[in-house]
Amino acid sequence: MKPAGVLRWLRGRPGTSAFLAFFLVYLALIRYCSLAYYRDPTSAFFDPVRGYEPRYSVERQNDADAFVGNANLTTLVHATPQDPKMCIGIATVAREQDQYVRRTIGSLIDGLEPSEREQIFLVVLIAHTDPHMHPIYGEPWLTNVADKTLLYDVNQERLQSLIDWEINKDYRKKALFDYTYVLQRCVNAGTQWITMIEDDTLAVDGWFPRAMEALQKADEQHPITEAMDWLYLRLFYTEEFLGWNSEEWRGYFAASIAVSGMTGMALLLIRQFIFEKTITNSVIAIACLVCAPACISLYFMAGRLSMQPPLPGVYQMPKFGCCAQGLVYSNEIASKVIARLSQVREGYVDQIVEAWANEANLVRWVTIPSLLQHVGTSSSKGDDRGSAAKYGRSVAEKIWSFSFEDYRDENT
């Protein structure tokens, strides 16, 4: 059939014409989604090769390397802050390959204004019973940058326990002890805020003023009281767990039915005034039973973060917050966290803290976008290539903040 004949045939079948037009537009939308939403881990169009690209992390790694290199060369030792507002605690263990902690500390301190650096008391624990096991022990930059470098100062019984945990690789006990040990030293420092950072993270340039502003906003909404209105401010989260949740399926289903129903009602209303012959009952049925569900499906396929992107700011995150890469406590709350962790004595910090928060109905805040990125490639929790691993990445490598990488566009 010639093109002119096809057009005449379509003009005589307005319903078919409308459906074909919808189909072409739908294909174009699918193509657009594949181009626009490849970095959304909640999207069916997610491309792990491009999605996990360290667009901004590489820049911060270079900044941190340069900072540590300069700190190694200088003979000037940083003066201990006189009245710091925040204690940063880091427990670090030797890695088989890269020692991420150099970049962690470098990115935290690099770019700080002198007045900002004076507000920070940096505590680093060399978490080995033999500190010489850690490559950074004795490096000049650590002495020049850290305000306090900790070694284990414990009795013989506790020291033997630590040695046994190291030999047996009992991370559930030792990592929990290390976290509590550093947290207690920060509590003793008397700062208003205590930030616990894992040793395989990177901080965005300008993280400190952003964090302090976020703390102020959180405290204004829920001041710290004896009732412990809020537990922590999260500086890192991974978007992987923020997709369409099965727990909310009833709401999704109701909204989908409503959209299909409103589509039919809109077409019926339009038919009352125009297109009386064009909008037939079959056209309405196709629109409600085929076109509307197809659009709804594409909406969900596009991903929650793409369709409902969170605006930058400070929000409550009572669920799906992962993991413990960077948590900020008040000094008062930190003491209670220590007591809780000491009661448990074995487990993973993030799981214990979250279970306690759920039990006590404590508010948890998060700053969006993340101020930290996780760059570690192996997990201390074991089973790093287990069922949770996918895309050819380990479990640890999947703990990734996609929003952090957008800082590159902000800087540009």
Protein backbone atom coordinates (compact mmCIF):
# COMPACT_ATOMS: atom_id res chain seq x y z
CA MET A 1 0.00 0.00 0.00
CA LYS A 2 1.32 3.44 -0.93
CA PRO A 3 1.89 6.07 1.76
CA ALA A 4 -1.09 8.09 0.57
CA GLY A 5 -3.27 5.02 0.85
CA VAL A 6 -1.97 4.31 4.36
CA LEU A 7 -2.83 7.83 5.46
CA ARG A 8 -6.36 7.54 4.05
CA TRP A 9 -6.76 4.21 5.80
CA LEU A 10 -5.60 5.68 9.13
CA ARG A 11 -7.88 8.71 8.78
CA GLY A 12 -10.81 6.35 8.52
CA ARG A 13 -9.71 4.63 11.75
CA PRO A 14 -9.01 7.35 14.32
CA GLY A 15 -8.75 4.87 17.17
CA THR A 16 -6.04 2.90 15.41
CA SER A 17 -4.23 6.11 14.52
CA ALA A 18 -4.26 7.25 18.13
CA PHE A 19 -2.95 3.89 19.33
CA LEU A 20 -0.10 3.88 16.79
CA ALA A 21 0.82 7.43 17.78
CA PHE A 22 0.86 6.36 21.43
CA PHE A 23 3.03 3.36 20.56
CA LEU A 24 5.61 5.54 18.79
CA VAL A 25 5.70 8.03 21.65
CA TYR A 26 6.03 5.16 24.12
CA LEU A 27 9.04 3.79 22.25
CA ALA A 28 10.60 7.25 22.29
CA LEU A 29 10.03 7.47 26.06
CA ILE A 30 11.70 4.11 26.58
CA ARG A 31 14.70 5.35 24.64
CA TYR A 32 14.78 8.54 26.70
CA CYS A 33 14.66 6.57 29.96
CA SER A 34 17.59 4.41 28.87
CA LEU A 35 19.62 7.57 28.21
CA ALA A 36 18.53 9.57 31.27
CA TYR A 37 18.18 7.06 34.11
CA TYR A 38 21.16 4.75 33.68
CA ARG A 39 22.64 5.96 37.00
CA ASP A 40 19.52 5.19 39.05
CA PRO A 41 20.01 1.83 40.82
CA THR A 42 16.25 1.63 41.41
CA SER A 43 15.57 1.83 37.67
CA ALA A 44 15.09 -0.98 35.16
CA PHE A 45 17.32 1.10 32.88
CA PHE A 46 20.24 1.09 35.33
CA ASP A 47 23.58 0.46 33.66
CA PRO A 48 26.11 -0.72 36.29
CA VAL A 49 29.10 0.00 34.03
CA ARG A 50 28.24 3.69 33.77
CA GLY A 51 26.26 3.91 36.99
CA TYR A 52 29.18 3.01 39.25
CA GLU A 53 31.58 5.31 37.42
CA PRO A 54 33.58 7.29 40.04
CA ARG A 55 32.94 10.63 38.37
CA TYR A 56 33.74 12.78 41.41
CA SER A 57 35.51 10.26 43.66
CA VAL A 58 38.58 10.25 41.42
CA GLU A 59 38.88 14.00 41.88
CA ARG A 60 38.69 13.71 45.66
CA GLN A 61 41.17 10.84 45.68
CA ASN A 62 43.65 13.01 43.81
CA ASP A 63 43.04 15.88 46.24
CA ALA A 64 43.58 13.58 49.22
CA ASP A 65 46.74 12.07 47.75
CA ALA A 66 48.18 15.53 47.18
CA PHE A 67 47.26 16.57 50.72
CA VAL A 68 48.89 13.52 52.31
CA GLY A 69 51.96 13.96 50.10
CA ASN A 70 52.38 17.54 51.28
CA ALA A 71 51.75 16.54 54.89
CA ASN A 72 54.52 13.97 54.60
CA LEU A 73 56.98 16.63 53.51
CA THR A 74 56.22 19.31 56.07
CA THR A 75 57.90 19.40 59.47
CA LEU A 76 55.13 21.50 61.00
CA VAL A 77 52.87 19.68 63.40
CA HIS A 78 49.26 20.84 63.54
CA ALA A 79 48.47 22.51 66.86
CA THR A 80 45.78 20.74 68.87
CA PRO A 81 42.50 22.70 68.72
CA GLN A 82 41.71 24.54 71.95
CA ASP A 83 37.92 24.46 71.80
CA PRO A 84 36.81 22.01 69.08
CA LYS A 85 33.14 21.46 68.31
CA MET A 86 33.46 18.06 66.64
CA CYS A 87 35.55 15.00 67.36
CA ILE A 88 36.14 12.76 64.36
CA GLY A 89 36.90 9.17 65.30
CA ILE A 90 38.44 6.67 62.88
CA ALA A 91 39.47 3.11 63.68
CA THR A 92 41.72 1.79 60.94
CA VAL A 93 43.04 -1.68 60.15
CA ALA A 94 45.64 -2.68 57.57
CA ARG A 95 44.24 -3.68 54.19
CA GLU A 96 45.75 -6.31 51.95
CA GLN A 97 46.15 -3.83 49.09
CA ASP A 98 45.28 -0.14 49.23
CA GLN A 99 45.32 1.69 52.56
CA TYR A 100 42.17 3.73 52.04
CA VAL A 101 42.59 5.52 55.33
CA ARG A 102 45.17 7.87 53.83
CA ARG A 103 42.58 9.17 51.41
CA THR A 104 39.86 9.11 54.05
CA ILE A 105 41.77 11.43 56.37
CA GLY A 106 43.18 13.47 53.50
CA SER A 107 39.74 14.17 52.05
CA LEU A 108 38.34 15.08 55.48
CA ILE A 109 41.02 17.69 56.15
CA ASP A 110 41.83 18.87 52.62
CA GLY A 111 40.05 22.09 51.74
CA LEU A 112 39.15 23.08 55.29
CA GLU A 113 39.50 26.72 56.20
CA PRO A 114 41.84 27.30 59.19
CA SER A 115 38.82 28.34 61.27
CA GLU A 116 37.06 25.10 60.34
CA ARG A 117 40.11 22.96 61.13
CA GLU A 118 40.23 24.55 64.60
CA GLN A 119 36.75 23.16 65.27
CA ILE A 120 37.82 19.56 64.64
CA PHE A 121 39.61 17.13 66.97
CA LEU A 122 40.79 14.18 64.87
CA VAL A 123 41.31 10.86 66.64
CA VAL A 124 42.78 7.87 64.78
CA LEU A 125 43.05 4.40 66.31
CA ILE A 126 45.67 2.05 64.85
CA ALA A 127 43.49 -0.99 65.50
CA HIS A 128 46.22 -3.63 65.81
CA THR A 129 47.72 -5.08 68.94
CA ASP A 130 51.02 -4.71 67.08
CA PRO A 131 50.70 -1.23 65.51
CA HIS A 132 53.63 -1.94 63.18
CA MET A 133 51.25 -4.23 61.28
CA HIS A 134 49.61 -1.13 59.85
CA PRO A 135 51.57 0.56 57.04
CA ILE A 136 50.58 4.08 58.10
CA TYR A 137 51.95 3.68 61.63
CA GLY A 138 54.94 5.98 61.95
CA GLU A 139 54.31 7.82 58.69
CA PRO A 140 55.05 11.55 59.16
CA TRP A 141 51.77 12.77 57.68
CA LEU A 142 49.71 10.99 60.35
CA THR A 143 51.63 12.72 63.14
CA ASN A 144 51.28 16.05 61.35
CA VAL A 145 47.54 15.73 60.67
CA ALA A 146 45.93 13.74 63.50
CA ASP A 147 45.31 15.45 66.82
CA LYS A 148 45.49 12.11 68.64
CA THR A 149 46.84 8.79 67.38
CA LEU A 150 45.56 6.01 69.61
CA LEU A 151 47.09 2.63 70.40
CA TYR A 152 45.39 0.08 72.63
CA ASP A 153 45.78 1.05 76.28
CA VAL A 154 44.04 -1.88 77.95
CA ASN A 155 44.75 -4.44 80.67
CA GLN A 156 46.41 -7.75 79.90
CA GLU A 157 43.15 -9.71 79.84
CA ARG A 158 41.58 -7.39 77.28
CA LEU A 159 44.79 -7.32 75.25
CA GLN A 160 44.76 -11.12 75.06
CA SER A 161 41.16 -11.03 73.89
CA LEU A 162 42.11 -8.58 71.15
CA ILE A 163 44.98 -10.83 70.07
CA ASP A 164 42.65 -13.84 69.95
CA TRP A 165 40.10 -11.90 67.89
CA GLU A 166 42.81 -10.88 65.45
CA ILE A 167 44.09 -14.44 65.07
CA ASN A 168 40.59 -15.87 64.64
CA LYS A 169 39.42 -12.93 62.48
CA ASP A 170 36.48 -12.42 64.79
CA TYR A 171 35.37 -9.14 63.28
CA ARG A 172 32.00 -9.19 65.03
CA LYS A 173 33.72 -8.68 68.37
CA LYS A 174 36.83 -6.74 67.49
CA ALA A 175 35.28 -4.15 65.16
CA LEU A 176 32.59 -3.48 67.75
CA PHE A 177 35.22 -3.03 70.46
CA ASP A 178 37.26 -0.70 68.25
CA TYR A 179 34.23 1.44 67.48
CA THR A 180 33.35 1.71 71.17
CA TYR A 181 36.98 2.41 72.11
CA VAL A 182 37.27 5.35 69.71
CA LEU A 183 33.79 6.64 70.53
CA GLN A 184 34.68 6.72 74.23
CA ARG A 185 37.83 8.74 73.53
CA CYS A 186 35.76 11.26 71.60
CA VAL A 187 33.25 11.47 74.44
CA ASN A 188 36.13 12.15 76.79
CA ALA A 189 37.31 14.97 74.50
CA GLY A 190 34.12 16.81 75.45
CA THR A 191 33.12 18.05 71.98
CA GLN A 192 29.50 18.84 71.24
CA TRP A 193 29.41 16.49 68.23
CA ILE A 194 31.11 13.19 67.54
CA THR A 195 31.49 11.85 64.01
CA MET A 196 32.46 8.22 63.52
CA ILE A 197 33.97 7.61 60.09
CA GLU A 198 34.98 4.29 58.55
CA ASP A 199 38.48 4.11 57.14
CA ASP A 200 37.46 3.43 53.52
CA THR A 201 35.51 6.56 52.72
CA LEU A 202 35.98 9.87 50.91
CA ALA A 203 34.55 13.23 51.95
CA VAL A 204 33.20 15.86 49.60
CA ASP A 205 35.08 19.14 49.45
CA GLY A 206 33.32 21.41 51.96
CA TRP A 207 31.79 18.56 53.94
CA PHE A 208 32.31 20.18 57.35
CA PRO A 209 30.19 23.35 56.94
CA ARG A 210 27.51 21.26 55.22
CA ALA A 211 27.48 18.81 58.12
CA MET A 212 27.33 21.56 60.73
CA GLU A 213 24.43 23.22 58.91
CA ALA A 214 22.62 19.88 58.72
CA LEU A 215 23.16 19.30 62.45
CA GLN A 216 21.72 22.71 63.22
CA LYS A 217 18.61 21.97 61.13
CA ALA A 218 18.14 18.57 62.75
CA ASP A 219 18.58 19.97 66.24
CA GLU A 220 16.13 22.78 65.55
CA GLN A 221 13.46 20.27 64.57
CA HIS A 222 14.23 17.76 67.33
CA PRO A 223 16.42 19.20 70.09
CA ILE A 224 18.45 16.65 72.01
CA THR A 225 16.67 15.97 75.29
CA GLU A 226 16.78 13.35 78.00
CA ALA A 227 14.13 11.51 76.00
CA MET A 228 16.65 11.22 73.15
CA ASP A 229 14.49 12.64 70.36
CA TRP A 230 17.06 11.84 67.70
CA LEU A 231 19.94 9.41 67.51
CA TYR A 232 22.27 10.43 64.71
CA LEU A 233 22.82 12.35 61.51
CA ARG A 234 23.80 10.08 58.65
CA LEU A 235 26.48 11.44 56.29
CA PHE A 236 26.38 8.46 53.94
CA TYR A 237 23.62 6.35 52.43
CA THR A 238 23.31 4.16 49.37
CA GLU A 239 20.35 4.68 47.06
CA GLU A 240 20.11 0.99 46.21
CA PHE A 241 17.60 0.38 49.01
CA LEU A 242 15.43 3.44 48.28
CA GLY A 243 13.41 2.03 45.39
CA TRP A 244 9.79 0.95 45.18
CA ASN A 245 9.27 -1.02 48.38
CA SER A 246 7.09 -4.11 48.47
CA GLU A 247 5.71 -2.96 51.83
CA GLU A 248 3.93 -0.12 50.02
CA TRP A 249 2.34 -2.19 47.23
CA ARG A 250 -1.20 -1.36 48.32
CA GLY A 251 -0.57 2.34 47.84
CA TYR A 252 1.03 1.76 44.44
CA PHE A 253 -1.91 -0.42 43.35
CA ALA A 254 -4.49 2.11 44.50
CA ALA A 255 -2.70 4.93 42.69
CA SER A 256 -2.50 2.84 39.51
CA ILE A 257 -6.24 2.10 39.60
CA ALA A 258 -6.93 5.80 40.19
CA VAL A 259 -4.81 6.83 37.18
CA SER A 260 -6.58 4.36 34.89
CA GLY A 261 -9.95 5.47 36.20
CA MET A 262 -9.18 9.16 35.73
CA THR A 263 -7.99 8.45 32.19
CA GLY A 264 -11.37 6.94 31.36
CA MET A 265 -13.27 9.75 33.05
CA ALA A 266 -11.24 12.37 31.19
CA LEU A 267 -11.95 10.73 27.84
CA LEU A 268 -15.66 10.45 28.62
CA LEU A 269 -15.76 14.13 29.55
CA ILE A 270 -13.93 15.16 26.38
CA ARG A 271 -16.31 13.07 24.28
CA GLN A 272 -19.24 15.07 25.58
CA PHE A 273 -17.94 18.19 23.83
CA ILE A 274 -15.60 17.14 21.01
CA PHE A 275 -14.45 14.05 19.17
CA GLU A 276 -17.80 12.39 19.75
CA LYS A 277 -17.31 9.97 16.88
CA THR A 278 -13.58 9.53 17.39
CA ILE A 279 -13.53 8.59 21.07
CA THR A 280 -15.49 5.38 20.92
CA ASN A 281 -16.02 2.95 23.75
CA SER A 282 -13.29 0.72 22.34
CA VAL A 283 -10.85 3.65 22.30
CA ILE A 284 -11.63 4.36 25.95
CA ALA A 285 -11.20 0.68 26.82
CA ILE A 286 -7.81 0.52 25.09
CA ALA A 287 -6.72 3.73 26.78
CA CYS A 288 -7.71 2.48 30.24
CA LEU A 289 -6.66 -1.16 29.90
CA VAL A 290 -3.58 -0.84 27.68
CA CYS A 291 -2.17 2.67 27.38
CA ALA A 292 -2.58 3.81 31.00
CA PRO A 293 -1.13 0.57 32.47
CA ALA A 294 1.77 0.81 30.00
CA CYS A 295 2.54 4.36 31.15
CA ILE A 296 2.23 3.33 34.79
CA SER A 297 4.61 0.42 34.19
CA LEU A 298 7.12 2.74 32.53
CA TYR A 299 6.85 5.12 35.49
CA PHE A 300 7.80 2.36 37.90
CA MET A 301 10.47 1.00 35.56
CA ALA A 302 12.09 4.42 35.37
CA GLY A 303 12.89 4.15 39.09
CA ARG A 304 11.75 5.86 42.23
CA LEU A 305 14.76 8.12 42.50
CA SER A 306 14.26 9.32 38.94
CA MET A 307 10.52 9.87 39.25
CA GLN A 308 10.55 11.19 42.81
CA PRO A 309 14.07 12.62 43.30
CA PRO A 310 14.68 13.92 46.83
CA LEU A 311 15.64 17.57 47.07
CA PRO A 312 18.90 18.45 48.83
CA GLY A 313 18.37 18.93 52.53
CA VAL A 314 18.02 17.15 55.87
CA TYR A 315 15.39 14.44 56.16
CA GLN A 316 14.36 11.66 58.49
CA MET A 317 15.45 8.22 57.32
CA PRO A 318 13.98 5.63 59.70
CA LYS A 319 14.38 2.76 57.22
CA PHE A 320 16.69 1.59 54.45
CA GLY A 321 19.64 3.67 55.68
CA CYS A 322 22.91 1.87 54.96
CA CYS A 323 25.47 1.71 56.45
CA ALA A 324 27.76 3.00 59.26
CA GLN A 325 30.29 4.78 57.03
CA GLY A 326 29.61 8.12 58.68
CA LEU A 327 27.34 8.82 61.67
CA VAL A 328 27.25 11.98 63.80
CA TYR A 329 26.12 11.77 67.43
CA SER A 330 25.77 14.38 70.10
CA ASN A 331 28.11 13.87 73.05
CA GLU A 332 25.18 12.92 75.29
CA ILE A 333 23.80 10.38 72.84
CA ALA A 334 27.26 8.92 72.17
CA SER A 335 27.53 7.91 75.82
CA LYS A 336 24.27 6.01 75.51
CA VAL A 337 25.44 4.40 72.28
CA ILE A 338 28.57 3.18 74.09
CA ALA A 339 26.43 1.69 76.84
CA ARG A 340 24.26 -0.09 74.29
CA LEU A 341 27.18 -1.47 72.29
CA SER A 342 28.90 -2.61 75.50
CA GLN A 343 25.79 -4.60 76.42
CA VAL A 344 25.74 -6.42 73.10
CA ARG A 345 29.52 -6.95 72.76
CA GLU A 346 29.23 -8.85 69.48
CA GLY A 347 27.74 -7.91 66.13
CA TYR A 348 27.87 -5.12 63.56
CA VAL A 349 27.57 -1.52 64.63
CA ASP A 350 25.04 -0.47 62.00
CA GLN A 351 22.72 -3.41 62.75
CA ILE A 352 22.91 -2.93 66.51
CA VAL A 353 22.31 0.81 66.33
CA GLU A 354 19.40 0.44 63.90
CA ALA A 355 17.77 -2.27 66.01
CA TRP A 356 18.04 -0.04 69.07
CA ALA A 357 16.61 2.94 67.18
CA ASN A 358 13.63 0.88 66.02
CA GLU A 359 13.09 -0.47 69.52
CA ALA A 360 13.25 2.96 71.17
CA ASN A 361 11.55 4.80 68.27
CA LEU A 362 14.49 7.18 67.84
CA VAL A 363 14.61 9.69 65.00
CA ARG A 364 17.42 9.26 62.48
CA TRP A 365 18.44 12.06 60.14
CA VAL A 366 20.23 12.00 56.83
CA THR A 367 21.77 14.74 54.75
CA ILE A 368 20.98 14.57 51.03
CA PRO A 369 23.10 14.23 48.99
CA SER A 370 25.68 12.12 50.80
CA LEU A 371 28.71 13.92 52.14
CA LEU A 372 30.76 10.71 52.06
CA GLN A 373 31.52 8.03 49.51
CA HIS A 374 32.42 4.42 50.28
CA VAL A 375 35.43 3.26 48.26
CA GLY A 376 36.29 -0.04 49.94
CA THR A 377 36.27 -3.15 47.77
CA SER A 378 36.03 -5.83 50.47
CA SER A 379 33.80 -6.25 53.50
CA SER A 380 34.80 -7.27 57.01
CA LYS A 381 31.46 -9.07 57.35
CA GLY A 382 32.55 -11.92 55.11
CA ASP A 383 30.60 -13.51 52.23
CA ASP A 384 31.72 -10.62 50.05
CA ARG A 385 30.90 -12.57 46.89
CA GLY A 386 27.71 -14.10 48.23
CA SER A 387 24.12 -13.75 47.12
CA ALA A 388 24.08 -9.98 47.72
CA ALA A 389 26.88 -9.45 45.19
CA LYS A 390 25.82 -8.61 41.63
CA TYR A 391 26.86 -6.72 38.53
CA GLY A 392 30.26 -8.35 38.93
CA ARG A 393 30.85 -6.26 42.04
CA SER A 394 31.45 -7.43 45.60
CA VAL A 395 29.01 -6.67 48.40
CA ALA A 396 31.34 -3.91 49.60
CA GLU A 397 31.64 -2.38 46.13
CA LYS A 398 27.85 -2.15 45.90
CA ILE A 399 27.78 0.09 48.99
CA TRP A 400 27.94 3.16 46.82
CA SER A 401 26.47 6.66 46.94
CA PHE A 402 25.36 7.64 43.46
CA SER A 403 24.41 11.15 44.63
CA PHE A 404 27.98 11.76 45.83
CA GLU A 405 29.26 11.48 42.28
CA ASP A 406 26.96 14.32 41.21
CA TYR A 407 29.18 16.78 43.07
CA ARG A 408 31.34 16.75 39.95
CA ASP A 409 28.53 18.50 38.06
CA GLU A 410 28.12 20.94 40.95
CA ASN A 411 31.80 21.84 40.84
CA THR A 412 31.75 22.13 37.07
